[in-house]
Protein backbone atom coordinates (compact mmCIF):
# COMPACT_ATOMS: atom_id res chain seq x y z
CA UNK A 1 16.88 -64.06 -74.76
CA UNK A 2 18.09 -61.50 -72.82
CA UNK A 3 17.26 -57.64 -72.69
CA UNK A 4 20.54 -57.05 -73.44
CA UNK A 5 19.95 -59.26 -76.85
CA UNK A 6 16.74 -58.03 -77.69
CA UNK A 7 17.72 -54.07 -77.45
CA UNK A 8 20.56 -55.01 -79.31
CA UNK A 9 18.39 -56.39 -81.74
CA UNK A 10 15.61 -53.45 -82.23
CA UNK A 11 18.73 -51.12 -82.35
CA UNK A 12 20.51 -52.98 -85.24
CA UNK A 13 17.29 -53.06 -86.97
CA UNK A 14 16.46 -49.13 -86.63
CA UNK A 15 20.21 -48.96 -88.02
CA UNK A 16 19.24 -50.96 -90.48
CA UNK A 17 16.08 -49.32 -91.43
CA UNK A 18 18.14 -45.96 -91.67
CA UNK A 19 20.49 -47.69 -94.29
CA UNK A 20 17.88 -48.51 -95.98
CA UNK A 21 15.99 -45.58 -96.29
CA UNK A 22 18.91 -43.82 -96.93
CA UNK A 23 20.53 -46.07 -100.57
CA UNK A 24 18.84 -44.09 -102.72
CA UNK A 25 21.10 -41.00 -101.83
CA UNK A 26 24.26 -43.45 -102.30
CA UNK A 27 22.63 -44.70 -105.46
CA UNK A 28 22.20 -41.38 -106.77
CA UNK A 29 25.76 -40.63 -106.28
CA UNK A 30 26.86 -43.10 -108.59
CA UNK A 31 26.96 -41.73 -112.10
CA UNK A 32 28.01 -42.65 -115.69
CA UNK A 33 31.75 -41.83 -115.34
CA UNK A 34 32.63 -43.24 -111.88
CA UNK A 35 29.67 -45.73 -111.38
CA UNK A 36 31.69 -47.18 -107.57
CA UNK A 37 31.82 -44.00 -105.32
CA UNK A 38 33.86 -44.41 -101.42
CA UNK A 39 30.70 -43.36 -99.91
CA UNK A 40 28.44 -45.93 -101.83
CA UNK A 41 31.59 -49.00 -100.84
CA UNK A 42 31.02 -47.85 -97.38
CA UNK A 43 27.83 -48.06 -97.38
CA UNK A 44 27.53 -51.20 -98.49
CA UNK A 45 30.34 -52.88 -96.65
CA UNK A 46 28.42 -51.51 -93.40
CA UNK A 47 25.18 -53.07 -94.54
CA UNK A 48 26.77 -56.01 -95.17
CA UNK A 49 28.40 -56.29 -91.46
CA UNK A 50 25.26 -55.24 -90.27
CA UNK A 51 23.45 -58.54 -92.00
CA UNK A 52 26.02 -60.49 -90.91
CA UNK A 53 25.63 -59.64 -87.55
CA UNK A 54 22.43 -59.95 -86.94
CA UNK A 55 22.30 -63.13 -88.50
CA UNK A 56 24.60 -64.41 -85.78
CA UNK A 57 22.84 -63.02 -83.07
CA UNK A 58 19.88 -64.72 -84.20
CA UNK A 59 21.93 -67.54 -84.60
CA UNK A 60 23.18 -67.55 -81.15
CA UNK A 61 26.93 -68.01 -82.41
CA UNK A 62 29.76 -67.05 -80.41
CA UNK A 63 30.91 -64.68 -83.26
CA UNK A 64 28.41 -62.59 -83.04
CA UNK A 65 29.00 -61.48 -79.51
CA UNK A 66 32.43 -59.70 -81.09
CA UNK A 67 30.60 -58.34 -84.16
CA UNK A 68 27.43 -57.17 -81.90
CA UNK A 69 29.73 -55.44 -79.66
CA UNK A 70 31.69 -53.75 -82.52
CA UNK A 71 28.92 -52.87 -84.24
CA UNK A 72 27.31 -50.56 -81.26
CA UNK A 73 30.56 -48.93 -81.59
CA UNK A 74 28.24 -47.01 -84.09
CA UNK A 75 26.72 -44.99 -81.26
CA UNK A 76 30.09 -43.07 -81.04
CA UNK A 77 30.22 -40.85 -83.88
CA UNK A 78 26.58 -40.23 -82.75
CA UNK A 79 27.26 -38.10 -79.96
CA UNK A 80 28.98 -35.75 -81.28
CA UNK A 81 26.68 -35.60 -84.41
CA UNK A 82 23.78 -35.36 -82.25
CA UNK A 83 25.47 -32.92 -80.14
CA UNK A 84 25.67 -30.25 -82.98
CA UNK A 85 22.36 -31.14 -84.67
CA UNK A 86 19.76 -31.59 -81.81
CA UNK A 87 21.83 -30.00 -79.02
CA UNK A 88 22.67 -31.68 -75.48
CA UNK A 89 19.63 -33.35 -75.39
CA UNK A 90 20.68 -35.41 -78.30
CA UNK A 91 24.17 -36.11 -77.05
CA UNK A 92 23.24 -37.21 -73.85
CA UNK A 93 20.41 -39.30 -75.36
CA UNK A 94 23.10 -41.09 -77.77
CA UNK A 95 25.40 -41.45 -74.68
CA UNK A 96 22.73 -43.42 -72.52
CA UNK A 97 21.79 -45.34 -75.75
CA UNK A 98 25.44 -46.43 -76.12
CA UNK A 99 25.30 -46.97 -72.34
CA UNK A 100 22.56 -49.23 -72.61
CA UNK A 101 24.15 -51.30 -75.34
CA UNK A 102 26.75 -52.05 -74.32
CA UNK A 103 25.66 -52.87 -70.87
CA UNK A 104 22.99 -55.09 -72.24
CA UNK A 105 25.64 -57.19 -73.70
CA UNK A 106 28.57 -57.30 -71.67
CA UNK A 107 25.92 -58.44 -68.88
CA UNK A 108 26.82 -62.56 -68.17
CA UNK A 109 23.51 -63.57 -69.12
CA UNK A 110 23.64 -62.10 -72.08
CA UNK A 111 26.86 -63.31 -72.85
CA UNK A 112 26.04 -66.92 -72.03
CA UNK A 113 23.02 -66.56 -74.76
CA UNK A 114 25.94 -66.27 -77.75
CA UNK A 115 26.51 -70.41 -76.72
CA UNK A 116 26.80 -71.92 -80.45
CA UNK A 117 30.04 -72.98 -82.13
């Protein structure tokens, strides 16, 4: 397994754990009047996308490469968020994280990893 794919899987599992830890907040938003909240819909779609992408990456499917690059774009909103909350150091961390993930997935050996149809 190439290092770019390993780094992506660590990133994806961290995102999955953050989603899992914050799910009670989404559940608490659902009330008896409105059982479906917009945030809940986004959360569940992200959760399904994340699990599906991790599954395809572990199976080395070609579709997993495109989905994994799409999942890395979650770093884009993280940059201003960390800039505002953690300052310049947080913003620089998010930019470096995004560059490492994209560079790792765009390397030829990572691209060749996804060889199953």
